[in-house]
Amino acid sequence: MNLLVTAATALEIKPFQEYLAQNGAPENCQVDILIGGIGLMHTAWHLGRELARKKPDLAIQAGIAGSFRRNWPLGQVVVIGSEQFGDLGVDDNGTFKDLFDTGLWPAGLSPFNGNSLVNTFSGLPFVPELPLAKGISINMVTGSPASIERLEQKYAPDIESMEGAAFHFACLQEGVPFLQLRSISNYVEARDRSKWNIPLAVKQLNETLISLVEQLAVKKGK
C-alpha cells in the first residue's frame, strides 16, 4: 500500500516521523510524507504537485485544530466527514455570502455535495472508530465573538482548520481515498493561547496516526 501522510507543519507529525525513522514503515506499506504548509493556498499547491507526481492508494491529512464543541476535550482526535470553505466569498454590505450564495458556484458542482466536500470513505479498508466531525476551513483563525457567531449560524461546524477543505477538494478531484484526522488543541473562542494545549493535541494525534497506519498495513496485507 502506498500511503501519503500530509500535515501543515512538521511539528504536528514529528512523533510519527520519529516512529518511521526508528521502526521503518509497517510491512506491506510505503509511507511518503508531505509538509504542505499553513493555509489553503500552500496546501493546494503542494498537494496538487504531489498527486500529479504520484497518486497514493490512500492519503491522510493529520493536524491540530480548534473545536466549536466544548463537550469534546482538548486532545480528542476526530475524523472529518465533511468540509466547507468558511471565508471564501463576498462581503455584501456587512453580510458575508459564500460563492454558493452568490451563484458563482452552483450547489452540487463537482466535487461538492450540495455546498460541502464530503468524504464518503469509499475505497478505505476501514474507518477508525473516532467521533465524526464537520469541518470548516478558513484563512484567518477565528478569534472574535462576531466571527464565531457568523460561522456557527451559517455552517454549524464542529472543527476549524486552515487546510482541511483544500485536502478534501484535491483528493475528491483526483479520486484518491482519504482521511482527515484532527486533534483538538483549543476551543474556538476569543483568542487566548494560554488556554491551548498543543503538546497534548500533538501527542494524541500521533498516537492515533501510528495506530491507524499499523492497522491499515495489516488489513491491506491480508
Protein backbone atom coordinates (compact mmCIF):
# COMPACT_ATOMS: atom_id res chain seq x y z
CA MET A 1 0.00 0.00 0.00
CA ASN A 2 1.30 3.42 -0.98
CA LEU A 3 0.31 5.89 1.73
CA LEU A 4 0.67 9.67 1.72
CA VAL A 5 0.65 11.41 5.10
CA THR A 6 0.44 15.18 4.92
CA ALA A 7 0.46 17.90 7.56
CA ALA A 8 0.68 21.67 7.55
CA THR A 9 3.79 21.73 9.75
CA ALA A 10 6.49 19.23 10.72
CA LEU A 11 5.67 19.87 14.40
CA GLU A 12 2.25 18.26 14.04
CA ILE A 13 3.58 14.88 12.90
CA LYS A 14 7.09 14.92 14.38
CA PRO A 15 6.44 11.87 16.63
CA PHE A 16 5.12 9.94 13.60
CA GLN A 17 8.24 10.78 11.61
CA GLU A 18 10.40 9.68 14.55
CA TYR A 19 8.43 6.41 14.67
CA LEU A 20 9.17 5.82 10.96
CA ALA A 21 12.86 6.67 11.44
CA GLN A 22 13.19 4.19 14.31
CA ASN A 23 10.98 1.38 13.02
CA GLY A 24 10.57 1.90 9.31
CA ALA A 25 7.20 1.72 7.62
CA PRO A 26 4.99 -1.24 8.59
CA GLU A 27 5.19 -4.32 6.39
CA ASN A 28 3.13 -4.04 3.17
CA CYS A 29 3.22 -0.24 3.47
CA GLN A 30 5.21 2.55 1.83
CA VAL A 31 4.79 5.94 3.51
CA ASP A 32 5.51 9.28 1.88
CA ILE A 33 5.48 12.46 3.99
CA LEU A 34 4.34 15.84 2.68
CA ILE A 35 4.63 19.01 4.74
CA GLY A 36 2.18 21.18 2.85
CA GLY A 37 2.44 24.47 4.68
CA ILE A 38 -0.10 26.51 6.62
CA GLY A 39 -3.30 27.58 4.91
CA LEU A 40 -5.42 26.67 1.91
CA MET A 41 -3.15 28.09 -0.78
CA HIS A 42 0.00 26.31 0.39
CA THR A 43 -1.85 23.04 0.90
CA ALA A 44 -3.48 23.17 -2.54
CA TRP A 45 -0.20 23.86 -4.34
CA HIS A 46 1.96 21.31 -2.53
CA LEU A 47 -0.70 18.60 -2.55
CA GLY A 48 -1.58 19.18 -6.19
CA ARG A 49 2.06 18.85 -7.19
CA GLU A 50 2.44 15.69 -5.11
CA LEU A 51 -0.67 14.00 -6.53
CA ALA A 52 0.46 14.81 -10.06
CA ARG A 53 3.80 13.17 -9.31
CA LYS A 54 2.49 10.07 -7.58
CA LYS A 55 -1.07 9.04 -6.79
CA PRO A 56 -1.23 7.14 -3.46
CA ASP A 57 -3.59 4.33 -2.52
CA LEU A 58 -4.66 6.44 0.45
CA ALA A 59 -3.97 9.98 1.66
CA ILE A 60 -4.13 11.02 5.32
CA GLN A 61 -4.09 14.62 6.49
CA ALA A 62 -3.13 14.93 10.15
CA GLY A 63 -3.18 18.12 12.17
CA ILE A 64 -4.30 20.03 15.22
CA ALA A 65 -7.42 22.18 15.15
CA GLY A 66 -9.85 24.32 17.09
CA SER A 67 -13.20 22.98 18.27
CA PHE A 68 -16.54 24.74 18.42
CA ARG A 69 -17.80 21.88 20.63
CA ARG A 70 -16.80 22.04 24.27
CA ASN A 71 -18.12 18.56 25.01
CA TRP A 72 -15.03 17.25 23.24
CA PRO A 73 -11.96 17.55 25.49
CA LEU A 74 -8.64 19.00 24.41
CA GLY A 75 -6.63 16.23 22.81
CA GLN A 76 -9.68 14.48 21.37
CA VAL A 77 -8.94 13.10 17.90
CA VAL A 78 -11.75 13.18 15.34
CA VAL A 79 -12.32 12.16 11.74
CA ILE A 80 -13.58 14.94 9.48
CA GLY A 81 -16.56 13.76 7.45
CA SER A 82 -17.23 16.94 5.51
CA GLU A 83 -15.54 20.27 4.85
CA GLN A 84 -16.60 23.76 3.80
CA PHE A 85 -14.74 26.95 2.92
CA GLY A 86 -15.61 29.38 5.69
CA ASP A 87 -14.33 32.68 4.31
CA LEU A 88 -14.40 32.33 0.52
CA GLY A 89 -16.99 34.75 -0.79
CA VAL A 90 -18.02 38.40 -0.64
CA ASP A 91 -18.86 41.00 1.98
CA ASP A 92 -22.25 42.23 0.80
CA ASN A 93 -22.76 45.43 2.80
CA GLY A 94 -21.81 43.75 6.07
CA THR A 95 -23.32 40.33 5.28
CA PHE A 96 -20.98 37.50 4.32
CA LYS A 97 -22.09 35.49 1.30
CA ASP A 98 -20.13 32.48 0.14
CA LEU A 99 -19.79 31.56 -3.52
CA PHE A 100 -22.87 29.34 -3.38
CA ASP A 101 -24.94 32.23 -2.02
CA THR A 102 -23.77 34.47 -4.85
CA GLY A 103 -24.46 31.88 -7.52
CA LEU A 104 -20.84 31.87 -8.69
CA TRP A 105 -20.72 28.21 -7.68
CA PRO A 106 -23.91 26.17 -8.20
CA ALA A 107 -24.72 23.76 -5.37
CA GLY A 108 -23.53 20.29 -6.24
CA LEU A 109 -20.77 21.50 -8.56
CA SER A 110 -18.26 18.63 -8.61
CA PRO A 111 -16.66 17.68 -6.28
CA PHE A 112 -19.15 19.32 -3.91
CA ASN A 113 -22.13 17.53 -2.43
CA GLY A 114 -24.51 20.45 -2.03
CA ASN A 115 -22.11 23.04 -0.64
CA SER A 116 -19.89 20.57 1.23
CA LEU A 117 -16.85 18.49 0.39
CA VAL A 118 -17.99 15.13 1.74
CA ASN A 119 -15.79 12.12 2.44
CA THR A 120 -17.83 9.02 1.59
CA PHE A 121 -14.91 6.88 2.87
CA SER A 122 -15.13 4.76 -0.27
CA GLY A 123 -12.00 2.79 -1.10
CA LEU A 124 -10.85 2.61 2.53
CA PRO A 125 -10.08 -0.73 4.21
CA PHE A 126 -11.81 0.61 7.32
CA VAL A 127 -12.70 3.84 9.10
CA PRO A 128 -11.27 4.34 12.61
CA GLU A 129 -13.77 4.42 15.45
CA LEU A 130 -13.44 8.10 16.25
CA PRO A 131 -16.03 10.90 16.53
CA LEU A 132 -17.16 12.11 13.11
CA ALA A 133 -16.88 15.87 12.77
CA LYS A 134 -17.98 18.60 10.39
CA GLY A 135 -15.04 20.79 9.43
CA ILE A 136 -14.69 24.34 8.23
CA SER A 137 -11.53 25.80 6.72
CA ILE A 138 -10.53 29.43 6.92
CA ASN A 139 -7.50 31.53 6.02
CA MET A 140 -7.67 33.64 9.19
CA VAL A 141 -8.04 31.84 12.51
CA THR A 142 -11.30 32.80 14.20
CA GLY A 143 -10.81 34.77 17.42
CA SER A 144 -13.71 37.16 17.97
CA PRO A 145 -17.32 36.67 19.12
CA ALA A 146 -18.72 38.17 15.90
CA SER A 147 -16.72 35.83 13.66
CA ILE A 148 -17.60 32.81 15.79
CA GLU A 149 -21.30 33.67 15.67
CA ARG A 150 -21.21 34.08 11.88
CA LEU A 151 -19.59 30.70 11.31
CA GLU A 152 -21.81 28.88 13.79
CA GLN A 153 -25.01 30.34 12.41
CA LYS A 154 -24.12 29.78 8.77
CA TYR A 155 -22.29 26.45 8.85
CA ALA A 156 -22.72 24.86 12.32
CA PRO A 157 -19.17 23.45 12.23
CA ASP A 158 -17.53 21.22 14.83
CA ILE A 159 -13.89 21.79 13.90
CA GLU A 160 -11.90 24.67 12.41
CA SER A 161 -8.66 24.28 10.49
CA MET A 162 -6.73 26.19 7.83
CA GLU A 163 -6.14 23.32 5.38
CA GLY A 164 -8.87 20.68 5.50
CA ALA A 165 -11.08 21.87 2.64
CA ALA A 166 -8.14 22.07 0.23
CA PHE A 167 -7.21 18.48 1.14
CA HIS A 168 -10.77 17.21 0.63
CA PHE A 169 -11.10 19.12 -2.66
CA ALA A 170 -7.85 17.74 -4.11
CA CYS A 171 -8.50 14.13 -3.10
CA LEU A 172 -12.07 14.18 -4.38
CA GLN A 173 -10.99 15.69 -7.68
CA GLU A 174 -8.24 13.11 -8.12
CA GLY A 175 -10.26 10.12 -6.91
CA VAL A 176 -7.84 9.36 -4.07
CA PRO A 177 -9.34 7.67 -0.96
CA PHE A 178 -8.60 9.88 2.04
CA LEU A 179 -8.94 10.52 5.75
CA GLN A 180 -8.55 13.77 7.64
CA LEU A 181 -7.57 13.38 11.29
CA ARG A 182 -7.75 16.37 13.63
CA SER A 183 -6.76 16.62 17.28
CA ILE A 184 -8.28 19.43 19.33
CA SER A 185 -5.67 21.85 20.63
CA ASN A 186 -8.05 24.65 21.65
CA TYR A 187 -11.62 25.84 21.62
CA VAL A 188 -12.78 28.42 19.10
CA GLU A 189 -13.23 31.49 21.29
CA ALA A 190 -11.76 34.94 21.89
CA ARG A 191 -8.09 34.23 21.25
CA ASP A 192 -6.15 33.20 24.37
CA ARG A 193 -3.21 30.87 23.71
CA SER A 194 -2.75 30.29 27.45
CA LYS A 195 -5.79 28.01 27.26
CA TRP A 196 -4.42 25.93 24.40
CA ASN A 197 -2.74 22.53 24.86
CA ILE A 198 -0.74 21.90 21.71
CA PRO A 199 1.60 19.27 23.26
CA LEU A 200 -1.37 17.13 24.30
CA ALA A 201 -3.05 17.52 20.91
CA VAL A 202 0.15 16.53 19.07
CA LYS A 203 0.69 13.53 21.37
CA GLN A 204 -2.84 12.20 20.90
CA LEU A 205 -2.81 12.88 17.17
CA ASN A 206 0.38 10.94 16.60
CA GLU A 207 -0.60 8.00 18.77
CA THR A 208 -3.77 7.72 16.69
CA LEU A 209 -1.89 8.17 13.42
CA ILE A 210 0.66 5.47 14.23
CA SER A 211 -2.07 3.03 15.28
CA LEU A 212 -4.07 3.82 12.13
CA VAL A 213 -1.13 3.22 9.79
CA GLU A 214 -0.28 -0.07 11.52
CA GLN A 215 -3.89 -1.24 11.19
CA LEU A 216 -4.08 -0.20 7.55
CA ALA A 217 -0.91 -2.13 6.76
CA VAL A 218 -2.31 -5.27 8.39
CA LYS A 219 -5.64 -5.04 6.59
CA LYS A 220 -4.04 -4.31 3.21
CA GLY A 221 -1.67 -7.24 3.70
CA LYS A 222 -4.48 -9.76 4.12
